[in-house]
Amino acid sequence: MKNLIKVERARQNMTQAELAEKVKVARQTIIAIEAGRFVPSATLAFKIATILNCKADGIFELEEKDWL
């Protein structure tokens, strides 16, 4: 799953640590999500989207491999 978290964070001048604190996860979790190494739960995806003032489907996008 691709995501635009890093782009949206940059638009709002928000660090990974600040986002992590607001959604109550470790900074390493945000790092892993941004790098595509971890797919967040639906709840976490919606929390991230809410904090970044975006819709979840505007930040997260399924890739071809996600359909296999």
PDB file of N, CA and C in Angstrom:
ATOM      1  N   MET A   1       0.841  -1.166   0.000  1.00  0.00           N
ATOM      2  CA  MET A   1       0.000   0.000   0.000  1.00  0.00           C
ATOM      3  C   MET A   1       0.890   1.235   0.000  1.00  0.00           C
ATOM      4  N   LYS A   2       0.627   2.132  -0.933  1.00  0.00           N
ATOM      5  CA  LYS A   2       1.378   3.388  -0.988  1.00  0.00           C
ATOM      6  C   LYS A   2       0.690   4.405  -0.071  1.00  0.00           C
ATOM      7  N   ASN A   3       1.466   5.378   0.370  1.00  0.00           N
ATOM      8  CA  ASN A   3       0.861   6.434   1.177  1.00  0.00           C
ATOM      9  C   ASN A   3       1.566   7.765   0.946  1.00  0.00           C
ATOM     10  N   LEU A   4       0.856   8.815   1.271  1.00  0.00           N
ATOM     11  CA  LEU A   4       1.367  10.179   1.109  1.00  0.00           C
ATOM     12  C   LEU A   4       1.539  10.885   2.454  1.00  0.00           C
ATOM     13  N   ILE A   5       1.780  10.109   3.485  1.00  0.00           N
ATOM     14  CA  ILE A   5       1.902  10.699   4.822  1.00  0.00           C
ATOM     15  C   ILE A   5       3.040  11.712   4.870  1.00  0.00           C
ATOM     16  N   LYS A   6       4.184  11.350   4.331  1.00  0.00           N
ATOM     17  CA  LYS A   6       5.342  12.246   4.376  1.00  0.00           C
ATOM     18  C   LYS A   6       5.032  13.570   3.687  1.00  0.00           C
ATOM     19  N   VAL A   7       4.355  13.509   2.548  1.00  0.00           N
ATOM     20  CA  VAL A   7       3.990  14.721   1.799  1.00  0.00           C
ATOM     21  C   VAL A   7       3.038  15.588   2.624  1.00  0.00           C
ATOM     22  N   GLU A   8       2.008  14.957   3.178  1.00  0.00           N
ATOM     23  CA  GLU A   8       1.026  15.708   3.973  1.00  0.00           C
ATOM     24  C   GLU A   8       1.645  16.275   5.247  1.00  0.00           C
ATOM     25  N   ARG A   9       2.556  15.519   5.858  1.00  0.00           N
ATOM     26  CA  ARG A   9       3.245  16.037   7.049  1.00  0.00           C
ATOM     27  C   ARG A   9       4.051  17.271   6.690  1.00  0.00           C
ATOM     28  N   ALA A  10       4.742  17.220   5.549  1.00  0.00           N
ATOM     29  CA  ALA A  10       5.576  18.349   5.110  1.00  0.00           C
ATOM     30  C   ALA A  10       4.717  19.583   4.862  1.00  0.00           C
ATOM     31  N   ARG A  11       3.560  19.391   4.272  1.00  0.00           N
ATOM     32  CA  ARG A  11       2.653  20.525   4.022  1.00  0.00           C
ATOM     33  C   ARG A  11       2.266  21.229   5.313  1.00  0.00           C
ATOM     34  N   GLN A  12       2.219  20.465   6.382  1.00  0.00           N
ATOM     35  CA  GLN A  12       1.798  21.029   7.674  1.00  0.00           C
ATOM     36  C   GLN A  12       2.967  21.256   8.632  1.00  0.00           C
ATOM     37  N   ASN A  13       4.178  21.107   8.114  1.00  0.00           N
ATOM     38  CA  ASN A  13       5.378  21.281   8.945  1.00  0.00           C
ATOM     39  C   ASN A  13       5.311  20.447  10.228  1.00  0.00           C
ATOM     40  N   MET A  14       4.919  19.198  10.062  1.00  0.00           N
ATOM     41  CA  MET A  14       4.778  18.299  11.203  1.00  0.00           C
ATOM     42  C   MET A  14       5.858  17.223  11.128  1.00  0.00           C
ATOM     43  N   THR A  15       6.495  16.961  12.231  1.00  0.00           N
ATOM     44  CA  THR A  15       7.520  15.916  12.273  1.00  0.00           C
ATOM     45  C   THR A  15       6.865  14.547  12.472  1.00  0.00           C
ATOM     46  N   GLN A  16       7.654  13.518  12.231  1.00  0.00           N
ATOM     47  CA  GLN A  16       7.175  12.162  12.490  1.00  0.00           C
ATOM     48  C   GLN A  16       6.840  12.002  13.968  1.00  0.00           C
ATOM     49  N   ALA A  17       7.655  12.572  14.815  1.00  0.00           N
ATOM     50  CA  ALA A  17       7.430  12.467  16.261  1.00  0.00           C
ATOM     51  C   ALA A  17       6.125  13.143  16.667  1.00  0.00           C
ATOM     52  N   GLU A  18       5.843  14.299  16.086  1.00  0.00           N
ATOM     53  CA  GLU A  18       4.601  15.009  16.416  1.00  0.00           C
ATOM     54  C   GLU A  18       3.377  14.206  15.974  1.00  0.00           C
ATOM     55  N   LEU A  19       3.437  13.656  14.763  1.00  0.00           N
ATOM     56  CA  LEU A  19       2.318  12.843  14.281  1.00  0.00           C
ATOM     57  C   LEU A  19       2.145  11.610  15.159  1.00  0.00           C
ATOM     58  N   ALA A  20       3.243  10.957  15.463  1.00  0.00           N
ATOM     59  CA  ALA A  20       3.189   9.762  16.312  1.00  0.00           C
ATOM     60  C   ALA A  20       2.546  10.074  17.658  1.00  0.00           C
ATOM     61  N   GLU A  21       2.937  11.177  18.249  1.00  0.00           N
ATOM     62  CA  GLU A  21       2.377  11.559  19.543  1.00  0.00           C
ATOM     63  C   GLU A  21       0.868  11.797  19.439  1.00  0.00           C
ATOM     64  N   LYS A  22       0.444  12.459  18.379  1.00  0.00           N
ATOM     65  CA  LYS A  22      -0.978  12.783  18.218  1.00  0.00           C
ATOM     66  C   LYS A  22      -1.843  11.551  17.981  1.00  0.00           C
ATOM     67  N   VAL A  23      -1.302  10.541  17.302  1.00  0.00           N
ATOM     68  CA  VAL A  23      -2.081   9.319  17.061  1.00  0.00           C
ATOM     69  C   VAL A  23      -1.738   8.213  18.059  1.00  0.00           C
ATOM     70  N   LYS A  24      -0.874   8.537  19.001  1.00  0.00           N
ATOM     71  CA  LYS A  24      -0.521   7.647  20.111  1.00  0.00           C
ATOM     72  C   LYS A  24       0.136   6.332  19.662  1.00  0.00           C
ATOM     73  N   VAL A  25       1.154   6.479  18.803  1.00  0.00           N
ATOM     74  CA  VAL A  25       1.989   5.336  18.418  1.00  0.00           C
ATOM     75  C   VAL A  25       3.443   5.770  18.551  1.00  0.00           C
ATOM     76  N   ALA A  26       4.346   4.826  18.428  1.00  0.00           N
ATOM     77  CA  ALA A  26       5.775   5.138  18.458  1.00  0.00           C
ATOM     78  C   ALA A  26       6.192   5.799  17.145  1.00  0.00           C
ATOM     79  N   ARG A  27       7.199   6.639  17.203  1.00  0.00           N
ATOM     80  CA  ARG A  27       7.725   7.272  15.990  1.00  0.00           C
ATOM     81  C   ARG A  27       8.150   6.218  14.981  1.00  0.00           C
ATOM     82  N   GLN A  28       8.682   5.112  15.473  1.00  0.00           N
ATOM     83  CA  GLN A  28       9.110   4.039  14.584  1.00  0.00           C
ATOM     84  C   GLN A  28       7.943   3.483  13.768  1.00  0.00           C
ATOM     85  N   THR A  29       6.745   3.531  14.317  1.00  0.00           N
ATOM     86  CA  THR A  29       5.564   3.082  13.580  1.00  0.00           C
ATOM     87  C   THR A  29       5.301   3.992  12.398  1.00  0.00           C
ATOM     88  N   ILE A  30       5.397   5.292  12.598  1.00  0.00           N
ATOM     89  CA  ILE A  30       5.199   6.253  11.509  1.00  0.00           C
ATOM     90  C   ILE A  30       6.284   6.058  10.453  1.00  0.00           C
ATOM     91  N   ILE A  31       7.508   5.853  10.891  1.00  0.00           N
ATOM     92  CA  ILE A  31       8.621   5.609   9.960  1.00  0.00           C
ATOM     93  C   ILE A  31       8.320   4.376   9.109  1.00  0.00           C
ATOM     94  N   ALA A  32       7.886   3.298   9.741  1.00  0.00           N
ATOM     95  CA  ALA A  32       7.604   2.055   9.024  1.00  0.00           C
ATOM     96  C   ALA A  32       6.433   2.209   8.056  1.00  0.00           C
ATOM     97  N   ILE A  33       5.405   2.944   8.442  1.00  0.00           N
ATOM     98  CA  ILE A  33       4.254   3.166   7.558  1.00  0.00           C
ATOM     99  C   ILE A  33       4.698   3.986   6.345  1.00  0.00           C
ATOM    100  N   GLU A  34       5.415   5.072   6.587  1.00  0.00           N
ATOM    101  CA  GLU A  34       5.874   5.919   5.487  1.00  0.00           C
ATOM    102  C   GLU A  34       6.759   5.150   4.511  1.00  0.00           C
ATOM    103  N   ALA A  35       7.567   4.238   5.029  1.00  0.00           N
ATOM    104  CA  ALA A  35       8.479   3.452   4.190  1.00  0.00           C
ATOM    105  C   ALA A  35       7.787   2.286   3.498  1.00  0.00           C
ATOM    106  N   GLY A  36       6.527   2.048   3.839  1.00  0.00           N
ATOM    107  CA  GLY A  36       5.799   0.945   3.229  1.00  0.00           C
ATOM    108  C   GLY A  36       6.102  -0.412   3.830  1.00  0.00           C
ATOM    109  N   ARG A  37       6.745  -0.427   4.994  1.00  0.00           N
ATOM    110  CA  ARG A  37       7.085  -1.688   5.655  1.00  0.00           C
ATOM    111  C   ARG A  37       5.989  -2.166   6.600  1.00  0.00           C
ATOM    112  N   PHE A  38       5.009  -1.294   6.872  1.00  0.00           N
ATOM    113  CA  PHE A  38       3.943  -1.634   7.810  1.00  0.00           C
ATOM    114  C   PHE A  38       2.641  -1.037   7.292  1.00  0.00           C
ATOM    115  N   VAL A  39       1.600  -1.854   7.244  1.00  0.00           N
ATOM    116  CA  VAL A  39       0.276  -1.375   6.830  1.00  0.00           C
ATOM    117  C   VAL A  39      -0.526  -1.126   8.104  1.00  0.00           C
ATOM    118  N   PRO A  40      -0.977   0.111   8.297  1.00  0.00           N
ATOM    119  CA  PRO A  40      -1.705   0.429   9.524  1.00  0.00           C
ATOM    120  C   PRO A  40      -3.099  -0.187   9.543  1.00  0.00           C
ATOM    121  N   SER A  41      -3.618  -0.362  10.733  1.00  0.00           N
ATOM    122  CA  SER A  41      -5.006  -0.798  10.871  1.00  0.00           C
ATOM    123  C   SER A  41      -5.912   0.300  10.312  1.00  0.00           C
ATOM    124  N   ALA A  42      -7.152  -0.042  10.060  1.00  0.00           N
ATOM    125  CA  ALA A  42      -8.111   0.960   9.574  1.00  0.00           C
ATOM    126  C   ALA A  42      -8.241   2.089  10.589  1.00  0.00           C
ATOM    127  N   THR A  43      -8.269   1.749  11.854  1.00  0.00           N
ATOM    128  CA  THR A  43      -8.392   2.767  12.903  1.00  0.00           C
ATOM    129  C   THR A  43      -7.221   3.732  12.863  1.00  0.00           C
ATOM    130  N   LEU A  44      -6.013   3.203  12.779  1.00  0.00           N
ATOM    131  CA  LEU A  44      -4.833   4.056  12.745  1.00  0.00           C
ATOM    132  C   LEU A  44      -4.803   4.891  11.471  1.00  0.00           C
ATOM    133  N   ALA A  45      -5.189   4.301  10.345  1.00  0.00           N
ATOM    134  CA  ALA A  45      -5.222   5.050   9.085  1.00  0.00           C
ATOM    135  C   ALA A  45      -6.173   6.239   9.190  1.00  0.00           C
ATOM    136  N   PHE A  46      -7.339   6.024   9.786  1.00  0.00           N
ATOM    137  CA  PHE A  46      -8.293   7.115   9.947  1.00  0.00           C
ATOM    138  C   PHE A  46      -7.801   8.163  10.941  1.00  0.00           C
ATOM    139  N   LYS A  47      -7.113   7.729  11.986  1.00  0.00           N
ATOM    140  CA  LYS A  47      -6.537   8.692  12.937  1.00  0.00           C
ATOM    141  C   LYS A  47      -5.508   9.579  12.236  1.00  0.00           C
ATOM    142  N   ILE A  48      -4.629   8.959  11.458  1.00  0.00           N
ATOM    143  CA  ILE A  48      -3.600   9.711  10.735  1.00  0.00           C
ATOM    144  C   ILE A  48      -4.253  10.697   9.774  1.00  0.00           C
ATOM    145  N   ALA A  49      -5.240  10.225   9.030  1.00  0.00           N
ATOM    146  CA  ALA A  49      -5.940  11.091   8.080  1.00  0.00           C
ATOM    147  C   ALA A  49      -6.601  12.267   8.790  1.00  0.00           C
ATOM    148  N   THR A  50      -7.225  12.008   9.916  1.00  0.00           N
ATOM    149  CA  THR A  50      -7.890  13.069  10.674  1.00  0.00           C
ATOM    150  C   THR A  50      -6.893  14.116  11.139  1.00  0.00           C
ATOM    151  N   ILE A  51      -5.775  13.685  11.696  1.00  0.00           N
ATOM    152  CA  ILE A  51      -4.751  14.620  12.178  1.00  0.00           C
ATOM    153  C   ILE A  51      -4.182  15.433  11.024  1.00  0.00           C
ATOM    154  N   LEU A  52      -4.052  14.818   9.848  1.00  0.00           N
ATOM    155  CA  LEU A  52      -3.488  15.515   8.684  1.00  0.00           C
ATOM    156  C   LEU A  52      -4.554  16.256   7.872  1.00  0.00           C
ATOM    157  N   ASN A  53      -5.789  16.269   8.386  1.00  0.00           N
ATOM    158  CA  ASN A  53      -6.908  16.968   7.728  1.00  0.00           C
ATOM    159  C   ASN A  53      -7.130  16.478   6.298  1.00  0.00           C
ATOM    160  N   CYS A  54      -7.084  15.161   6.131  1.00  0.00           N
ATOM    161  CA  CYS A  54      -7.278  14.534   4.827  1.00  0.00           C
ATOM    162  C   CYS A  54      -8.256  13.375   4.985  1.00  0.00           C
ATOM    163  N   LYS A  55      -8.718  12.867   3.856  1.00  0.00           N
ATOM    164  CA  LYS A  55      -9.498  11.631   3.871  1.00  0.00           C
ATOM    165  C   LYS A  55      -8.510  10.471   3.777  1.00  0.00           C
ATOM    166  N   ALA A  56      -8.858   9.357   4.384  1.00  0.00           N
ATOM    167  CA  ALA A  56      -7.959   8.200   4.385  1.00  0.00           C
ATOM    168  C   ALA A  56      -7.623   7.759   2.966  1.00  0.00           C
ATOM    169  N   ASP A  57      -8.609   7.780   2.063  1.00  0.00           N
ATOM    170  CA  ASP A  57      -8.315   7.346   0.693  1.00  0.00           C
ATOM    171  C   ASP A  57      -7.536   8.391  -0.095  1.00  0.00           C
ATOM    172  N   GLY A  58      -7.326   9.556   0.498  1.00  0.00           N
ATOM    173  CA  GLY A  58      -6.469  10.557  -0.114  1.00  0.00           C
ATOM    174  C   GLY A  58      -5.014  10.390   0.287  1.00  0.00           C
ATOM    175  N   ILE A  59      -4.802   9.649   1.352  1.00  0.00           N
ATOM    176  CA  ILE A  59      -3.442   9.413   1.852  1.00  0.00           C
ATOM    177  C   ILE A  59      -2.949   8.013   1.505  1.00  0.00           C
ATOM    178  N   PHE A  60      -3.842   7.036   1.585  1.00  0.00           N
ATOM    179  CA  PHE A  60      -3.473   5.641   1.351  1.00  0.00           C
ATOM    180  C   PHE A  60      -4.042   5.166   0.017  1.00  0.00           C
ATOM    181  N   GLU A  61      -3.224   4.414  -0.728  1.00  0.00           N
ATOM    182  CA  GLU A  61      -3.637   3.919  -2.040  1.00  0.00           C
ATOM    183  C   GLU A  61      -3.207   2.471  -2.202  1.00  0.00           C
ATOM    184  N   LEU A  62      -4.147   1.626  -2.603  1.00  0.00           N
ATOM    185  CA  LEU A  62      -3.821   0.226  -2.849  1.00  0.00           C
ATOM    186  C   LEU A  62      -2.949   0.104  -4.086  1.00  0.00           C
ATOM    187  N   GLU A  63      -2.037  -0.842  -4.039  1.00  0.00           N
ATOM    188  CA  GLU A  63      -1.182  -1.146  -5.185  1.00  0.00           C
ATOM    189  C   GLU A  63      -1.624  -2.474  -5.788  1.00  0.00           C
ATOM    190  N   GLU A  64      -1.134  -2.769  -6.961  1.00  0.00           N
ATOM    191  CA  GLU A  64      -1.484  -4.017  -7.650  1.00  0.00           C
ATOM    192  C   GLU A  64      -1.245  -5.222  -6.749  1.00  0.00           C
ATOM    193  N   LYS A  65      -0.124  -5.261  -6.063  1.00  0.00           N
ATOM    194  CA  LYS A  65       0.213  -6.418  -5.221  1.00  0.00           C
ATOM    195  C   LYS A  65      -0.768  -6.603  -4.073  1.00  0.00           C
ATOM    196  N   ASP A  66      -1.468  -5.546  -3.678  1.00  0.00           N
ATOM    197  CA  ASP A  66      -2.447  -5.645  -2.594  1.00  0.00           C
ATOM    198  C   ASP A  66      -3.676  -6.455  -3.007  1.00  0.00           C
ATOM    199  N   TRP A  67      -3.898  -6.607  -4.298  1.00  0.00           N
ATOM    200  CA  TRP A  67      -5.054  -7.337  -4.809  1.00  0.00           C
ATOM    201  C   TRP A  67      -4.784  -8.820  -4.982  1.00  0.00           C
ATOM    202  N   LEU A  68      -3.527  -9.219  -4.853  1.00  0.00           N
ATOM    203  CA  LEU A  68      -3.170 -10.633  -5.079  1.00  0.00           C
ATOM    204  C   LEU A  68      -3.389 -11.493  -3.861  1.00  0.00           C
TER     205      LEU A  68
END
